[in-house]
């Protein structure tokens, strides 16, 4: 894998996680208690470390489980499908 590919891949990861972080903040601002109580991993940790990426993935799974428990379905978590 060349240097350009690595830089390009890193940029895509950071950009994607930054967008997800913005969406999380909007959900929290909108009163989504499950989002507020679930997401803790920052953009750079999620994009640049395997531990952070795994943590963010687990947070997404936990959030969907909380939404289903609260609402009876997962429709409210649809914003995760970007």
C-alpha atoms as a PDB file:
ATOM      1  CA  UNK A   1       0.000   0.000   0.000  1.00  0.00           C
ATOM      2  CA  UNK A   2       1.473   3.315  -1.032  1.00  0.00           C
ATOM      3  CA  UNK A   3       1.787   6.428   1.050  1.00  0.00           C
ATOM      4  CA  UNK A   4      -0.904   8.238  -0.941  1.00  0.00           C
ATOM      5  CA  UNK A   5      -3.369   5.400  -0.314  1.00  0.00           C
ATOM      6  CA  UNK A   6      -2.657   5.461   3.404  1.00  0.00           C
ATOM      7  CA  UNK A   7      -3.146   9.214   3.581  1.00  0.00           C
ATOM      8  CA  UNK A   8      -6.324   8.977   1.522  1.00  0.00           C
ATOM      9  CA  UNK A   9      -7.698   6.141   3.684  1.00  0.00           C
ATOM     10  CA  UNK A  10      -6.887   8.052   6.888  1.00  0.00           C
ATOM     11  CA  UNK A  11      -8.589  11.164   5.544  1.00  0.00           C
ATOM     12  CA  UNK A  12     -11.703   9.135   4.686  1.00  0.00           C
ATOM     13  CA  UNK A  13     -11.777   7.556   8.158  1.00  0.00           C
ATOM     14  CA  UNK A  14     -11.417  10.885   9.958  1.00  0.00           C
ATOM     15  CA  UNK A  15     -14.010  12.513   7.706  1.00  0.00           C
ATOM     16  CA  UNK A  16     -16.515   9.698   8.224  1.00  0.00           C
ATOM     17  CA  UNK A  17     -16.112   9.650  11.980  1.00  0.00           C
ATOM     18  CA  UNK A  18     -16.282  13.455  12.127  1.00  0.00           C
ATOM     19  CA  UNK A  19     -19.631  13.298  10.345  1.00  0.00           C
ATOM     20  CA  UNK A  20     -20.879  10.660  12.766  1.00  0.00           C
ATOM     21  CA  UNK A  21     -19.713  12.771  15.709  1.00  0.00           C
ATOM     22  CA  UNK A  22     -21.658  15.757  14.318  1.00  0.00           C
ATOM     23  CA  UNK A  23     -24.746  13.573  13.976  1.00  0.00           C
ATOM     24  CA  UNK A  24     -24.335  12.302  17.541  1.00  0.00           C
ATOM     25  CA  UNK A  25     -24.107  15.869  18.840  1.00  0.00           C
ATOM     26  CA  UNK A  26     -27.244  16.833  16.910  1.00  0.00           C
ATOM     27  CA  UNK A  27     -29.123  13.842  18.335  1.00  0.00           C
ATOM     28  CA  UNK A  28     -28.055  14.790  21.862  1.00  0.00           C
ATOM     29  CA  UNK A  29     -29.022  18.434  21.256  1.00  0.00           C
ATOM     30  CA  UNK A  30     -32.389  17.215  20.034  1.00  0.00           C
ATOM     31  CA  UNK A  31     -33.010  15.464  23.346  1.00  0.00           C
ATOM     32  CA  UNK A  32     -32.008  11.894  22.475  1.00  0.00           C
ATOM     33  CA  UNK A  33     -31.275  10.541  25.960  1.00  0.00           C
ATOM     34  CA  UNK A  34     -30.029   7.205  24.661  1.00  0.00           C
ATOM     35  CA  UNK A  35     -27.442   8.950  22.486  1.00  0.00           C
ATOM     36  CA  UNK A  36     -26.389  11.175  25.374  1.00  0.00           C
ATOM     37  CA  UNK A  37     -25.862   8.203  27.664  1.00  0.00           C
ATOM     38  CA  UNK A  38     -24.082   5.992  25.131  1.00  0.00           C
ATOM     39  CA  UNK A  39     -21.549   7.773  22.930  1.00  0.00           C
ATOM     40  CA  UNK A  40     -18.206   8.625  24.536  1.00  0.00           C
ATOM     41  CA  UNK A  41     -15.500   7.861  21.947  1.00  0.00           C
ATOM     42  CA  UNK A  42     -14.012  10.872  20.199  1.00  0.00           C
ATOM     43  CA  UNK A  43     -13.538  11.311  16.474  1.00  0.00           C
ATOM     44  CA  UNK A  44      -9.763  10.909  16.374  1.00  0.00           C
ATOM     45  CA  UNK A  45      -9.726   7.871  18.647  1.00  0.00           C
ATOM     46  CA  UNK A  46     -12.439   6.201  16.556  1.00  0.00           C
ATOM     47  CA  UNK A  47     -10.707   7.017  13.271  1.00  0.00           C
ATOM     48  CA  UNK A  48      -7.074   6.422  14.162  1.00  0.00           C
ATOM     49  CA  UNK A  49      -6.926   3.607  16.732  1.00  0.00           C
ATOM     50  CA  UNK A  50      -8.301   0.094  16.664  1.00  0.00           C
ATOM     51  CA  UNK A  51      -9.345   0.423  20.314  1.00  0.00           C
ATOM     52  CA  UNK A  52     -11.283   3.600  19.527  1.00  0.00           C
ATOM     53  CA  UNK A  53     -12.834   2.108  16.401  1.00  0.00           C
ATOM     54  CA  UNK A  54     -13.960  -0.957  18.348  1.00  0.00           C
ATOM     55  CA  UNK A  55     -15.321   1.237  21.144  1.00  0.00           C
ATOM     56  CA  UNK A  56     -17.304   3.384  18.675  1.00  0.00           C
ATOM     57  CA  UNK A  57     -18.692   0.244  17.049  1.00  0.00           C
ATOM     58  CA  UNK A  58     -19.800  -1.107  20.412  1.00  0.00           C
ATOM     59  CA  UNK A  59     -21.391   2.247  21.245  1.00  0.00           C
ATOM     60  CA  UNK A  60     -23.419   2.092  18.029  1.00  0.00           C
ATOM     61  CA  UNK A  61     -24.632  -1.419  18.893  1.00  0.00           C
ATOM     62  CA  UNK A  62     -25.444  -0.372  22.471  1.00  0.00           C
ATOM     63  CA  UNK A  63     -27.312   2.705  21.235  1.00  0.00           C
ATOM     64  CA  UNK A  64     -29.498   0.663  18.890  1.00  0.00           C
ATOM     65  CA  UNK A  65     -30.284  -1.792  21.704  1.00  0.00           C
ATOM     66  CA  UNK A  66     -31.271   1.101  23.987  1.00  0.00           C
ATOM     67  CA  UNK A  67     -33.480   2.649  21.298  1.00  0.00           C
ATOM     68  CA  UNK A  68     -35.229  -0.666  20.645  1.00  0.00           C
ATOM     69  CA  UNK A  69     -35.763  -1.163  24.385  1.00  0.00           C
ATOM     70  CA  UNK A  70     -37.192   2.355  24.753  1.00  0.00           C
ATOM     71  CA  UNK A  71     -39.230   2.589  21.539  1.00  0.00           C
ATOM     72  CA  UNK A  72     -39.990  -1.002  20.593  1.00  0.00           C
ATOM     73  CA  UNK A  73     -38.268  -0.607  17.213  1.00  0.00           C
ATOM     74  CA  UNK A  74     -35.099   0.842  15.719  1.00  0.00           C
ATOM     75  CA  UNK A  75     -36.534   3.608  13.520  1.00  0.00           C
ATOM     76  CA  UNK A  76     -35.145   6.404  15.690  1.00  0.00           C
ATOM     77  CA  UNK A  77     -31.642   5.017  15.144  1.00  0.00           C
ATOM     78  CA  UNK A  78     -32.035   5.434  11.382  1.00  0.00           C
ATOM     79  CA  UNK A  79     -29.739   8.469  11.384  1.00  0.00           C
ATOM     80  CA  UNK A  80     -26.847   6.045  11.900  1.00  0.00           C
ATOM     81  CA  UNK A  81     -27.338   4.835   8.319  1.00  0.00           C
ATOM     82  CA  UNK A  82     -25.412   7.637   6.619  1.00  0.00           C
END
